[in-house]
Amino acid sequence: MKAYELRDLSITELKARLSDEKTSLQKLAFTKSVTGQVENPARLKEIRKEIARLHTVITQKSA
């Protein structure tokens, strides 16, 4: 999701989405550590960027 789309969501929705993304990242990282490979390694980078984007929007809305 793009940042301008995230700005339309409430802080509660953003925090729920952030927790989902963190869980997804943990599962993917665990899979990578156990098996040594993942189906789509670029997905790790995408999830980290999405988490950063969510943190940014939450901070902007809080201030």
PDB file of N, CA and C in Angstrom:
ATOM      1  N   MET A   1       0.836  -1.179   0.000  1.00  0.00           N
ATOM      2  CA  MET A   1       0.000   0.000   0.000  1.00  0.00           C
ATOM      3  C   MET A   1       0.880   1.241   0.000  1.00  0.00           C
ATOM      4  N   LYS A   2       0.469   2.223  -0.717  1.00  0.00           N
ATOM      5  CA  LYS A   2       1.215   3.474  -0.776  1.00  0.00           C
ATOM      6  C   LYS A   2       0.918   4.325   0.458  1.00  0.00           C
ATOM      7  N   ALA A   3       1.822   5.256   0.756  1.00  0.00           N
ATOM      8  CA  ALA A   3       1.688   6.092   1.951  1.00  0.00           C
ATOM      9  C   ALA A   3       0.416   6.928   1.898  1.00  0.00           C
ATOM     10  N   TYR A   4       0.062   7.442   0.730  1.00  0.00           N
ATOM     11  CA  TYR A   4      -1.138   8.277   0.648  1.00  0.00           C
ATOM     12  C   TYR A   4      -2.399   7.445   0.905  1.00  0.00           C
ATOM     13  N   GLU A   5      -2.359   6.152   0.602  1.00  0.00           N
ATOM     14  CA  GLU A   5      -3.493   5.284   0.899  1.00  0.00           C
ATOM     15  C   GLU A   5      -3.558   4.977   2.391  1.00  0.00           C
ATOM     16  N   LEU A   6      -2.394   4.865   3.017  1.00  0.00           N
ATOM     17  CA  LEU A   6      -2.344   4.581   4.448  1.00  0.00           C
ATOM     18  C   LEU A   6      -2.834   5.762   5.274  1.00  0.00           C
ATOM     19  N   ARG A   7      -2.640   6.969   4.782  1.00  0.00           N
ATOM     20  CA  ARG A   7      -3.046   8.163   5.536  1.00  0.00           C
ATOM     21  C   ARG A   7      -4.561   8.245   5.704  1.00  0.00           C
ATOM     22  N   ASP A   8      -5.306   7.531   4.857  1.00  0.00           N
ATOM     23  CA  ASP A   8      -6.764   7.534   4.965  1.00  0.00           C
ATOM     24  C   ASP A   8      -7.263   6.624   6.082  1.00  0.00           C
ATOM     25  N   LEU A   9      -6.407   5.733   6.579  1.00  0.00           N
ATOM     26  CA  LEU A   9      -6.803   4.792   7.624  1.00  0.00           C
ATOM     27  C   LEU A   9      -6.670   5.429   9.006  1.00  0.00           C
ATOM     28  N   SER A  10      -7.398   4.877   9.962  1.00  0.00           N
ATOM     29  CA  SER A  10      -7.299   5.372  11.336  1.00  0.00           C
ATOM     30  C   SER A  10      -6.048   4.784  11.986  1.00  0.00           C
ATOM     31  N   ILE A  11      -5.652   5.354  13.117  1.00  0.00           N
ATOM     32  CA  ILE A  11      -4.460   4.875  13.824  1.00  0.00           C
ATOM     33  C   ILE A  11      -4.663   3.435  14.293  1.00  0.00           C
ATOM     34  N   THR A  12      -5.864   3.094  14.716  1.00  0.00           N
ATOM     35  CA  THR A  12      -6.153   1.726  15.154  1.00  0.00           C
ATOM     36  C   THR A  12      -5.949   0.740  14.005  1.00  0.00           C
ATOM     37  N   GLU A  13      -6.444   1.084  12.824  1.00  0.00           N
ATOM     38  CA  GLU A  13      -6.275   0.223  11.650  1.00  0.00           C
ATOM     39  C   GLU A  13      -4.803   0.117  11.260  1.00  0.00           C
ATOM     40  N   LEU A  14      -4.089   1.226  11.369  1.00  0.00           N
ATOM     41  CA  LEU A  14      -2.662   1.223  11.037  1.00  0.00           C
ATOM     42  C   LEU A  14      -1.876   0.321  11.981  1.00  0.00           C
ATOM     43  N   LYS A  15      -2.193   0.400  13.270  1.00  0.00           N
ATOM     44  CA  LYS A  15      -1.487  -0.431  14.250  1.00  0.00           C
ATOM     45  C   LYS A  15      -1.797  -1.913  14.049  1.00  0.00           C
ATOM     46  N   ALA A  16      -3.041  -2.223  13.683  1.00  0.00           N
ATOM     47  CA  ALA A  16      -3.411  -3.614  13.407  1.00  0.00           C
ATOM     48  C   ALA A  16      -2.655  -4.122  12.187  1.00  0.00           C
ATOM     49  N   ARG A  17      -2.565  -3.285  11.181  1.00  0.00           N
ATOM     50  CA  ARG A  17      -1.845  -3.648   9.958  1.00  0.00           C
ATOM     51  C   ARG A  17      -0.348  -3.817  10.238  1.00  0.00           C
ATOM     52  N   LEU A  18       0.186  -2.955  11.109  1.00  0.00           N
ATOM     53  CA  LEU A  18       1.599  -3.041  11.490  1.00  0.00           C
ATOM     54  C   LEU A  18       1.884  -4.369  12.190  1.00  0.00           C
ATOM     55  N   SER A  19       1.012  -4.768  13.081  1.00  0.00           N
ATOM     56  CA  SER A  19       1.225  -6.029  13.785  1.00  0.00           C
ATOM     57  C   SER A  19       1.130  -7.211  12.817  1.00  0.00           C
ATOM     58  N   ASP A  20       0.236  -7.141  11.842  1.00  0.00           N
ATOM     59  CA  ASP A  20       0.138  -8.195  10.828  1.00  0.00           C
ATOM     60  C   ASP A  20       1.421  -8.293  10.003  1.00  0.00           C
ATOM     61  N   GLU A  21       1.948  -7.149   9.618  1.00  0.00           N
ATOM     62  CA  GLU A  21       3.176  -7.129   8.811  1.00  0.00           C
ATOM     63  C   GLU A  21       4.364  -7.661   9.612  1.00  0.00           C
ATOM     64  N   LYS A  22       4.442  -7.312  10.889  1.00  0.00           N
ATOM     65  CA  LYS A  22       5.536  -7.806  11.728  1.00  0.00           C
ATOM     66  C   LYS A  22       5.451  -9.322  11.878  1.00  0.00           C
ATOM     67  N   THR A  23       4.249  -9.839  12.060  1.00  0.00           N
ATOM     68  CA  THR A  23       4.057 -11.282  12.161  1.00  0.00           C
ATOM     69  C   THR A  23       4.472 -11.966  10.862  1.00  0.00           C
ATOM     70  N   SER A  24       4.086 -11.381   9.763  1.00  0.00           N
ATOM     71  CA  SER A  24       4.440 -11.918   8.449  1.00  0.00           C
ATOM     72  C   SER A  24       5.955 -11.945   8.255  1.00  0.00           C
ATOM     73  N   LEU A  25       6.617 -10.877   8.678  1.00  0.00           N
ATOM     74  CA  LEU A  25       8.073 -10.801   8.563  1.00  0.00           C
ATOM     75  C   LEU A  25       8.740 -11.860   9.435  1.00  0.00           C
ATOM     76  N   GLN A  26       8.247 -12.051  10.645  1.00  0.00           N
ATOM     77  CA  GLN A  26       8.811 -13.066  11.538  1.00  0.00           C
ATOM     78  C   GLN A  26       8.678 -14.464  10.944  1.00  0.00           C
ATOM     79  N   LYS A  27       7.516 -14.770  10.383  1.00  0.00           N
ATOM     80  CA  LYS A  27       7.296 -16.087   9.791  1.00  0.00           C
ATOM     81  C   LYS A  27       8.221 -16.311   8.604  1.00  0.00           C
ATOM     82  N   LEU A  28       8.355 -15.296   7.769  1.00  0.00           N
ATOM     83  CA  LEU A  28       9.206 -15.413   6.589  1.00  0.00           C
ATOM     84  C   LEU A  28      10.673 -15.541   6.981  1.00  0.00           C
ATOM     85  N   ALA A  29      11.096 -14.769   7.966  1.00  0.00           N
ATOM     86  CA  ALA A  29      12.484 -14.846   8.429  1.00  0.00           C
ATOM     87  C   ALA A  29      12.765 -16.202   9.072  1.00  0.00           C
ATOM     88  N   PHE A  30      11.799 -16.729   9.801  1.00  0.00           N
ATOM     89  CA  PHE A  30      11.966 -18.043  10.411  1.00  0.00           C
ATOM     90  C   PHE A  30      12.088 -19.118   9.331  1.00  0.00           C
ATOM     91  N   THR A  31      11.249 -19.045   8.327  1.00  0.00           N
ATOM     92  CA  THR A  31      11.302 -20.000   7.222  1.00  0.00           C
ATOM     93  C   THR A  31      12.656 -19.944   6.533  1.00  0.00           C
ATOM     94  N   LYS A  32      13.161 -18.738   6.345  1.00  0.00           N
ATOM     95  CA  LYS A  32      14.463 -18.585   5.705  1.00  0.00           C
ATOM     96  C   LYS A  32      15.575 -19.183   6.561  1.00  0.00           C
ATOM     97  N   SER A  33      15.498 -18.984   7.868  1.00  0.00           N
ATOM     98  CA  SER A  33      16.561 -19.484   8.742  1.00  0.00           C
ATOM     99  C   SER A  33      16.527 -21.010   8.847  1.00  0.00           C
ATOM    100  N   VAL A  34      15.348 -21.595   8.813  1.00  0.00           N
ATOM    101  CA  VAL A  34      15.228 -23.042   8.953  1.00  0.00           C
ATOM    102  C   VAL A  34      15.586 -23.759   7.656  1.00  0.00           C
ATOM    103  N   THR A  35      14.996 -23.317   6.565  1.00  0.00           N
ATOM    104  CA  THR A  35      15.199 -24.015   5.287  1.00  0.00           C
ATOM    105  C   THR A  35      16.378 -23.467   4.501  1.00  0.00           C
ATOM    106  N   GLY A  36      16.777 -22.248   4.784  1.00  0.00           N
ATOM    107  CA  GLY A  36      17.883 -21.641   4.048  1.00  0.00           C
ATOM    108  C   GLY A  36      17.454 -20.967   2.758  1.00  0.00           C
ATOM    109  N   GLN A  37      16.176 -21.052   2.446  1.00  0.00           N
ATOM    110  CA  GLN A  37      15.679 -20.402   1.235  1.00  0.00           C
ATOM    111  C   GLN A  37      14.208 -20.046   1.402  1.00  0.00           C
ATOM    112  N   VAL A  38      13.770 -19.078   0.622  1.00  0.00           N
ATOM    113  CA  VAL A  38      12.365 -18.688   0.605  1.00  0.00           C
ATOM    114  C   VAL A  38      11.914 -18.622  -0.845  1.00  0.00           C
ATOM    115  N   GLU A  39      10.614 -18.705  -1.027  1.00  0.00           N
ATOM    116  CA  GLU A  39      10.073 -18.699  -2.377  1.00  0.00           C
ATOM    117  C   GLU A  39      10.348 -17.379  -3.096  1.00  0.00           C
ATOM    118  N   ASN A  40      10.141 -16.265  -2.367  1.00  0.00           N
ATOM    119  CA  ASN A  40      10.344 -14.946  -2.959  1.00  0.00           C
ATOM    120  C   ASN A  40      11.188 -14.108  -2.000  1.00  0.00           C
ATOM    121  N   PRO A  41      12.514 -14.102  -2.170  1.00  0.00           N
ATOM    122  CA  PRO A  41      13.373 -13.369  -1.234  1.00  0.00           C
ATOM    123  C   PRO A  41      13.158 -11.861  -1.247  1.00  0.00           C
ATOM    124  N   ALA A  42      12.649 -11.322  -2.327  1.00  0.00           N
ATOM    125  CA  ALA A  42      12.388  -9.884  -2.403  1.00  0.00           C
ATOM    126  C   ALA A  42      11.248  -9.482  -1.472  1.00  0.00           C
ATOM    127  N   ARG A  43      10.431 -10.439  -1.093  1.00  0.00           N
ATOM    128  CA  ARG A  43       9.297 -10.161  -0.206  1.00  0.00           C
ATOM    129  C   ARG A  43       9.769  -9.666   1.163  1.00  0.00           C
ATOM    130  N   LEU A  44      10.925 -10.149   1.628  1.00  0.00           N
ATOM    131  CA  LEU A  44      11.481  -9.675   2.901  1.00  0.00           C
ATOM    132  C   LEU A  44      11.692  -8.168   2.867  1.00  0.00           C
ATOM    133  N   LYS A  45      12.283  -7.680   1.804  1.00  0.00           N
ATOM    134  CA  LYS A  45      12.550  -6.250   1.653  1.00  0.00           C
ATOM    135  C   LYS A  45      11.246  -5.464   1.567  1.00  0.00           C
ATOM    136  N   GLU A  46      10.273  -6.002   0.840  1.00  0.00           N
ATOM    137  CA  GLU A  46       8.982  -5.328   0.702  1.00  0.00           C
ATOM    138  C   GLU A  46       8.281  -5.186   2.051  1.00  0.00           C
ATOM    139  N   ILE A  47       8.334  -6.247   2.845  1.00  0.00           N
ATOM    140  CA  ILE A  47       7.678  -6.204   4.154  1.00  0.00           C
ATOM    141  C   ILE A  47       8.363  -5.197   5.064  1.00  0.00           C
ATOM    142  N   ARG A  48       9.711  -5.167   5.053  1.00  0.00           N
ATOM    143  CA  ARG A  48      10.430  -4.192   5.880  1.00  0.00           C
ATOM    144  C   ARG A  48      10.081  -2.768   5.476  1.00  0.00           C
ATOM    145  N   LYS A  49       9.961  -2.515   4.182  1.00  0.00           N
ATOM    146  CA  LYS A  49       9.594  -1.167   3.715  1.00  0.00           C
ATOM    147  C   LYS A  49       8.176  -0.812   4.135  1.00  0.00           C
ATOM    148  N   GLU A  50       7.276  -1.786   4.075  1.00  0.00           N
ATOM    149  CA  GLU A  50       5.891  -1.541   4.477  1.00  0.00           C
ATOM    150  C   GLU A  50       5.815  -1.217   5.970  1.00  0.00           C
ATOM    151  N   ILE A  51       6.604  -1.912   6.779  1.00  0.00           N
ATOM    152  CA  ILE A  51       6.644  -1.636   8.218  1.00  0.00           C
ATOM    153  C   ILE A  51       7.156  -0.215   8.461  1.00  0.00           C
ATOM    154  N   ALA A  52       8.200   0.176   7.764  1.00  0.00           N
ATOM    155  CA  ALA A  52       8.742   1.530   7.903  1.00  0.00           C
ATOM    156  C   ALA A  52       7.710   2.572   7.474  1.00  0.00           C
ATOM    157  N   ARG A  53       7.011   2.284   6.394  1.00  0.00           N
ATOM    158  CA  ARG A  53       5.975   3.193   5.900  1.00  0.00           C
ATOM    159  C   ARG A  53       4.874   3.352   6.942  1.00  0.00           C
ATOM    160  N   LEU A  54       4.463   2.240   7.552  1.00  0.00           N
ATOM    161  CA  LEU A  54       3.422   2.289   8.583  1.00  0.00           C
ATOM    162  C   LEU A  54       3.886   3.092   9.796  1.00  0.00           C
ATOM    163  N   HIS A  55       5.131   2.876  10.227  1.00  0.00           N
ATOM    164  CA  HIS A  55       5.673   3.654  11.351  1.00  0.00           C
ATOM    165  C   HIS A  55       5.662   5.145  11.032  1.00  0.00           C
ATOM    166  N   THR A  56       6.035   5.503   9.824  1.00  0.00           N
ATOM    167  CA  THR A  56       6.072   6.911   9.419  1.00  0.00           C
ATOM    168  C   THR A  56       4.684   7.533   9.479  1.00  0.00           C
ATOM    169  N   VAL A  57       3.697   6.857   8.923  1.00  0.00           N
ATOM    170  CA  VAL A  57       2.341   7.404   8.898  1.00  0.00           C
ATOM    171  C   VAL A  57       1.759   7.498  10.309  1.00  0.00           C
ATOM    172  N   ILE A  58       2.030   6.501  11.141  1.00  0.00           N
ATOM    173  CA  ILE A  58       1.546   6.540  12.528  1.00  0.00           C
ATOM    174  C   ILE A  58       2.168   7.732  13.260  1.00  0.00           C
ATOM    175  N   THR A  59       3.450   7.957  13.065  1.00  0.00           N
ATOM    176  CA  THR A  59       4.126   9.088  13.701  1.00  0.00           C
ATOM    177  C   THR A  59       3.553  10.415  13.206  1.00  0.00           C
ATOM    178  N   GLN A  60       3.304  10.509  11.925  1.00  0.00           N
ATOM    179  CA  GLN A  60       2.735  11.747  11.369  1.00  0.00           C
ATOM    180  C   GLN A  60       1.357  12.022  11.929  1.00  0.00           C
ATOM    181  N   LYS A  61       0.547  10.989  12.088  1.00  0.00           N
ATOM    182  CA  LYS A  61      -0.806  11.175  12.601  1.00  0.00           C
ATOM    183  C   LYS A  61      -0.801  11.496  14.093  1.00  0.00           C
ATOM    184  N   SER A  62       0.195  10.980  14.817  1.00  0.00           N
ATOM    185  CA  SER A  62       0.263  11.210  16.260  1.00  0.00           C
ATOM    186  C   SER A  62       0.697  12.632  16.583  1.00  0.00           C
ATOM    187  N   ALA A  63       1.525  13.204  15.748  1.00  0.00           N
ATOM    188  CA  ALA A  63       2.074  14.533  16.022  1.00  0.00           C
ATOM    189  C   ALA A  63       1.104  15.640  15.657  1.00  0.00           C
TER     190      ALA A  63
END
